[in-house]
Amino acid sequence: MLSYRHGFHAGNHADVLKHVVLVHLLRYLTQKDKPLWFIDTHAGAAAYALNEGYATKNAEYETGIARLWGREDPPQPVADYVAQVRAFNPDGVLRRYPGSPQLALQLLRQQDRLRLFELHSTESQLLQRYFREDAPRVMVQAGDGFAGLQAQLPPPSRRALVLIDPSYEDKGDYRRVLAALRDAQKRFRPGVYAVWYPQVQRRESRQFPEQLKELQDKDWLHVALTVKKPVPSGLGLHGSGMFILNPPWMLSKALDPVMPYLAKILAQDAAAGFSLECELA
């Protein structure tokens, strides 16, 4: 929905899960010399203040990135993610949080390309200003990322990581994600497609992982993190998941120590837990 502003939720437990996975994927995919295209269908504003504005309303980052900030015991993928957030806060104080586009900018190389889409008019303007010095390496388009994805596939380099993470405030987003993935598979089947989704008390959310698995029999990974028991009213986010089509074969092994760690550190009550499953060719 056009009312959604990610700044209210920046750095929360869902961002932690999404960005731990994203950083690992970017690290892996940039090991080859051939250029990589990073396509973000719902890019947001790229960077978020944590000490002022939207993020201070509920301070969701305090039960997310802030719980990891001073720890010395994280598994390597978590440590790598936190290091990227620290690079964005060079004075050592957690004041800003990098969104997916900023994390990608930090990790991608000069030969790689970023293609970013954002429908919200204010967020897209912020995004365009933020990256105005980085064209043509970074291209920002104000518009529907589902439609924009079609024009980007296949990428000239035949290598792409696509992040799809709408807000899902409109329950039709679940259907649109599935349709976008089916179309993307026809255009560029070898791409790595990473889909974030919320754990909420909504039928569409509960059914979504199984619907994603039906897209292809093999070469998928599904990881989910629950941080608390759903509230009786059904409102609010009690966890989130990431579903990756064509994941690197070592991703599951890398996440083995990560998920119990995150479930422990980010737990908000005794209902916290995780799931990790994959089907590889």
Protein backbone atom coordinates (compact mmCIF):
# COMPACT_ATOMS: atom_id res chain seq x y z
CA MET A 1 0.00 0.00 0.00
CA LEU A 2 1.14 3.54 -0.65
CA SER A 3 0.76 4.39 3.06
CA TYR A 4 3.52 1.96 4.08
CA ARG A 5 6.81 3.47 5.30
CA HIS A 6 9.55 1.05 6.16
CA GLY A 7 11.20 3.63 8.42
CA PHE A 8 8.81 2.61 11.22
CA HIS A 9 10.28 -0.92 11.14
CA ALA A 10 13.92 -0.34 10.15
CA GLY A 11 16.36 -2.67 11.84
CA ASN A 12 13.73 -4.93 13.39
CA HIS A 13 13.91 -8.73 13.59
CA ALA A 14 12.53 -9.10 10.07
CA ASP A 15 15.25 -6.83 8.67
CA VAL A 16 17.86 -8.84 10.55
CA LEU A 17 16.75 -12.12 8.96
CA LYS A 18 16.35 -10.60 5.50
CA HIS A 19 19.69 -8.84 5.55
CA VAL A 20 21.73 -11.68 7.06
CA VAL A 21 20.58 -13.79 4.12
CA LEU A 22 21.06 -10.95 1.62
CA VAL A 23 24.63 -10.19 2.73
CA HIS A 24 25.54 -13.86 2.46
CA LEU A 25 24.02 -14.13 -1.02
CA LEU A 26 25.86 -11.03 -2.23
CA ARG A 27 29.15 -12.29 -0.78
CA TYR A 28 28.76 -15.60 -2.55
CA LEU A 29 27.59 -14.26 -5.91
CA THR A 30 30.38 -11.69 -6.17
CA GLN A 31 33.07 -14.37 -5.98
CA LYS A 32 32.85 -14.79 -9.77
CA ASP A 33 34.35 -12.09 -11.98
CA LYS A 34 31.32 -11.85 -14.27
CA PRO A 35 29.08 -8.84 -13.48
CA LEU A 36 26.09 -9.37 -11.20
CA TRP A 37 22.81 -7.49 -11.43
CA PHE A 38 21.00 -6.79 -8.17
CA ILE A 39 17.32 -6.04 -8.73
CA ASP A 40 15.22 -4.80 -5.79
CA THR A 41 11.50 -4.60 -6.58
CA HIS A 42 10.52 -2.71 -3.40
CA ALA A 43 13.64 -0.80 -2.48
CA GLY A 44 12.36 1.70 0.08
CA ALA A 45 14.47 4.71 0.99
CA ALA A 46 17.88 2.93 1.15
CA ALA A 47 18.87 4.37 4.54
CA TYR A 48 17.02 5.05 7.78
CA ALA A 49 17.69 7.17 10.86
CA LEU A 50 17.18 5.24 14.09
CA ASN A 51 17.51 8.14 16.51
CA GLU A 52 14.87 10.40 14.97
CA GLY A 53 11.73 10.32 12.85
CA TYR A 54 9.71 7.19 12.08
CA ALA A 55 12.03 4.66 13.72
CA THR A 56 11.64 6.24 17.16
CA LYS A 57 7.87 5.68 17.30
CA ASN A 58 8.06 2.00 18.21
CA ALA A 59 11.87 1.63 18.28
CA GLU A 60 11.59 -1.81 16.68
CA TYR A 61 15.34 -1.83 16.06
CA GLU A 62 15.87 -2.25 19.81
CA THR A 63 14.63 -5.84 19.54
CA GLY A 64 16.47 -6.35 16.26
CA ILE A 65 19.88 -5.02 15.24
CA ALA A 66 20.47 -3.39 18.65
CA ARG A 67 20.50 -6.81 20.33
CA LEU A 68 23.35 -7.89 18.05
CA TRP A 69 25.31 -4.65 18.12
CA GLY A 70 27.60 -5.31 21.07
CA ARG A 71 27.79 -9.08 20.96
CA GLU A 72 31.06 -10.91 20.43
CA ASP A 73 29.69 -14.42 19.85
CA PRO A 74 27.73 -14.35 16.56
CA PRO A 75 28.15 -16.99 13.84
CA GLN A 76 30.11 -15.71 10.85
CA PRO A 77 27.14 -14.78 8.60
CA VAL A 78 25.65 -12.72 11.44
CA ALA A 79 29.03 -11.12 12.20
CA ASP A 80 29.40 -10.25 8.51
CA TYR A 81 25.97 -8.60 8.47
CA VAL A 82 26.65 -6.62 11.63
CA ALA A 83 29.98 -5.50 10.15
CA GLN A 84 28.12 -4.04 7.19
CA VAL A 85 25.80 -2.11 9.51
CA ARG A 86 28.86 -0.93 11.46
CA ALA A 87 30.44 0.28 8.23
CA PHE A 88 27.39 2.48 7.82
CA ASN A 89 27.93 3.87 11.37
CA PRO A 90 31.68 4.59 11.31
CA ASP A 91 31.68 6.33 14.70
CA GLY A 92 30.61 3.08 16.36
CA VAL A 93 27.23 4.36 17.52
CA LEU A 94 24.10 2.76 16.09
CA ARG A 95 22.28 5.76 14.63
CA ARG A 96 21.51 4.66 11.05
CA TYR A 97 20.35 1.48 9.43
CA PRO A 98 21.20 0.52 5.83
CA GLY A 99 18.34 -0.78 3.73
CA SER A 100 18.84 -3.46 1.10
CA PRO A 101 20.01 -1.01 -1.63
CA GLN A 102 22.70 0.45 0.64
CA LEU A 103 23.91 -2.99 1.73
CA ALA A 104 24.10 -3.98 -1.94
CA LEU A 105 26.03 -0.82 -2.77
CA GLN A 106 28.55 -1.63 -0.04
CA LEU A 107 29.08 -5.20 -1.22
CA LEU A 108 28.84 -4.99 -5.00
CA ARG A 109 31.77 -4.21 -7.28
CA GLN A 110 32.21 -1.57 -9.97
CA GLN A 111 31.27 -4.01 -12.72
CA ASP A 112 27.99 -4.91 -10.99
CA ARG A 113 24.71 -3.08 -11.45
CA LEU A 114 21.82 -2.12 -9.16
CA ARG A 115 18.29 -1.72 -10.50
CA LEU A 116 15.94 -0.34 -7.86
CA PHE A 117 12.16 0.15 -7.94
CA GLU A 118 9.91 1.96 -5.48
CA LEU A 119 6.25 2.86 -5.94
CA HIS A 120 5.77 5.17 -2.94
CA SER A 121 6.26 8.69 -4.27
CA THR A 122 8.12 10.08 -1.25
CA GLU A 123 10.33 7.03 -0.82
CA SER A 124 11.18 6.92 -4.53
CA GLN A 125 12.20 10.58 -4.47
CA LEU A 126 14.45 9.92 -1.48
CA LEU A 127 15.91 6.93 -3.27
CA GLN A 128 16.58 8.90 -6.45
CA ARG A 129 18.33 11.68 -4.51
CA TYR A 130 20.33 9.17 -2.50
CA PHE A 131 21.80 7.52 -5.59
CA ARG A 132 21.97 10.51 -7.93
CA GLU A 133 25.79 10.40 -8.01
CA ASP A 134 25.89 6.67 -8.76
CA ALA A 135 24.26 6.50 -12.21
CA PRO A 136 24.48 4.56 -14.47
CA ARG A 137 25.78 1.86 -12.13
CA VAL A 138 22.66 2.41 -10.03
CA MET A 139 19.35 3.09 -11.73
CA VAL A 140 16.27 4.05 -9.72
CA GLN A 141 12.78 3.91 -11.17
CA ALA A 142 9.68 5.29 -9.49
CA GLY A 143 7.06 2.70 -10.22
CA ASP A 144 5.72 -0.79 -9.75
CA GLY A 145 8.57 -3.21 -9.10
CA PHE A 146 6.57 -6.21 -10.22
CA ALA A 147 6.15 -4.68 -13.67
CA GLY A 148 9.68 -3.27 -13.68
CA LEU A 149 11.19 -6.67 -13.05
CA GLN A 150 9.93 -7.94 -16.39
CA ALA A 151 11.99 -5.40 -18.32
CA GLN A 152 15.19 -6.33 -16.44
CA LEU A 153 15.17 -10.04 -17.27
CA PRO A 154 17.28 -11.56 -18.58
CA PRO A 155 20.13 -9.24 -17.54
CA PRO A 156 22.94 -8.64 -20.06
CA SER A 157 25.44 -10.50 -17.87
CA ARG A 158 23.09 -13.47 -17.41
CA ARG A 159 23.67 -13.25 -13.65
CA ALA A 160 21.14 -11.72 -11.26
CA LEU A 161 20.02 -11.63 -7.65
CA VAL A 162 16.42 -10.45 -7.37
CA LEU A 163 15.01 -9.34 -4.02
CA ILE A 164 11.21 -9.22 -3.76
CA ASP A 165 9.92 -7.83 -0.46
CA PRO A 166 6.66 -5.89 -0.66
CA SER A 167 4.93 -4.84 2.54
CA TYR A 168 2.04 -7.31 2.07
CA GLU A 169 -0.31 -4.79 3.69
CA ASP A 170 -2.39 -5.44 0.59
CA LYS A 171 -3.09 -9.18 0.70
CA GLY A 172 -3.01 -9.18 -3.11
CA ASP A 173 0.78 -8.90 -2.84
CA TYR A 174 1.03 -12.61 -2.12
CA ARG A 175 -0.63 -13.35 -5.45
CA ARG A 176 1.47 -10.75 -7.26
CA VAL A 177 4.71 -12.21 -5.90
CA LEU A 178 3.79 -15.67 -7.17
CA ALA A 179 2.84 -14.28 -10.59
CA ALA A 180 6.08 -12.27 -10.79
CA LEU A 181 8.15 -15.35 -9.99
CA ARG A 182 6.39 -17.49 -12.58
CA ASP A 183 7.02 -14.82 -15.21
CA ALA A 184 10.65 -14.38 -14.07
CA GLN A 185 11.30 -18.10 -14.37
CA LYS A 186 10.16 -17.99 -17.99
CA ARG A 187 12.38 -15.01 -18.74
CA PHE A 188 15.45 -16.02 -16.74
CA ARG A 189 15.25 -19.33 -14.91
CA PRO A 190 18.88 -19.39 -13.59
CA GLY A 191 18.41 -16.20 -11.56
CA VAL A 192 18.60 -16.25 -7.78
CA TYR A 193 15.25 -15.03 -6.43
CA ALA A 194 14.99 -14.09 -2.75
CA VAL A 195 11.48 -13.47 -1.41
CA TRP A 196 10.78 -12.03 2.02
CA TYR A 197 7.36 -12.50 3.62
CA PRO A 198 5.80 -11.66 7.01
CA GLN A 199 4.49 -14.07 9.59
CA VAL A 200 1.10 -12.59 10.46
CA GLN A 201 -2.30 -13.96 11.43
CA ARG A 202 -3.58 -14.01 7.88
CA ARG A 203 -4.48 -17.07 5.82
CA GLU A 204 -2.45 -15.84 2.82
CA SER A 205 0.70 -15.64 4.95
CA ARG A 206 0.30 -19.14 6.38
CA GLN A 207 -0.26 -20.66 2.92
CA PHE A 208 2.48 -18.70 1.18
CA PRO A 209 5.53 -20.96 1.83
CA GLU A 210 3.78 -24.02 0.41
CA GLN A 211 2.69 -22.03 -2.64
CA LEU A 212 6.28 -20.92 -3.19
CA LYS A 213 7.49 -24.52 -3.01
CA GLU A 214 5.15 -25.40 -5.86
CA LEU A 215 7.02 -23.07 -8.23
CA GLN A 216 9.74 -25.67 -8.75
CA ASP A 217 10.36 -29.12 -7.29
CA LYS A 218 13.99 -28.57 -6.40
CA ASP A 219 16.56 -25.84 -5.86
CA TRP A 220 14.81 -23.85 -3.16
CA LEU A 221 15.51 -22.91 0.45
CA HIS A 222 13.03 -21.71 3.03
CA VAL A 223 14.04 -20.17 6.34
CA ALA A 224 11.71 -18.61 8.90
CA LEU A 225 12.24 -16.89 12.24
CA THR A 226 9.50 -16.51 14.84
CA VAL A 227 10.26 -14.13 17.71
CA LYS A 228 7.02 -14.20 19.72
CA LYS A 229 3.58 -15.66 20.08
CA PRO A 230 0.91 -14.09 17.83
CA VAL A 231 -1.30 -11.66 19.73
CA PRO A 232 -4.99 -12.64 20.13
CA SER A 233 -6.11 -9.70 17.99
CA GLY A 234 -4.11 -11.05 15.07
CA LEU A 235 -2.39 -7.69 14.53
CA GLY A 236 1.34 -7.25 14.22
CA LEU A 237 4.35 -9.20 13.02
CA HIS A 238 5.44 -12.20 15.07
CA GLY A 239 8.10 -13.37 12.63
CA SER A 240 9.12 -13.52 9.00
CA GLY A 241 10.56 -15.80 6.37
CA MET A 242 12.87 -15.85 3.38
CA PHE A 243 12.31 -18.14 0.42
CA ILE A 244 15.12 -18.45 -2.12
CA LEU A 245 14.82 -20.02 -5.54
CA ASN A 246 18.13 -21.34 -6.92
CA PRO A 247 20.07 -20.74 -3.70
CA PRO A 248 23.82 -21.27 -3.47
CA TRP A 249 24.32 -24.87 -2.38
CA MET A 250 26.22 -23.85 0.78
CA LEU A 251 23.53 -21.45 2.04
CA SER A 252 21.74 -24.07 4.12
CA LYS A 253 24.96 -25.08 5.85
CA ALA A 254 25.83 -21.43 6.51
CA LEU A 255 22.43 -20.87 8.14
CA ASP A 256 22.65 -23.95 10.39
CA PRO A 257 24.37 -22.06 13.25
CA VAL A 258 22.68 -18.76 12.42
CA MET A 259 19.05 -19.66 13.02
CA PRO A 260 19.25 -21.06 16.57
CA TYR A 261 21.42 -18.08 17.46
CA LEU A 262 18.93 -15.54 16.09
CA ALA A 263 15.99 -17.38 17.67
CA LYS A 264 17.74 -17.12 21.05
CA ILE A 265 19.02 -13.55 20.84
CA LEU A 266 15.95 -12.01 19.18
CA ALA A 267 13.34 -13.96 21.18
CA GLN A 268 10.63 -11.83 22.71
CA ASP A 269 8.90 -14.70 24.50
CA ALA A 270 8.95 -18.49 24.84
CA ALA A 271 7.27 -19.00 21.46
CA ALA A 272 10.42 -17.96 19.59
CA GLY A 273 11.84 -20.50 17.16
CA PHE A 274 12.90 -21.13 13.61
CA SER A 275 12.60 -23.46 10.66
CA LEU A 276 15.12 -24.21 7.94
CA GLU A 277 14.39 -26.50 5.01
CA CYS A 278 15.74 -26.89 1.52
CA GLU A 279 15.40 -29.08 -1.54
CA LEU A 280 18.41 -29.13 -3.81
CA ALA A 281 18.94 -30.87 -7.12
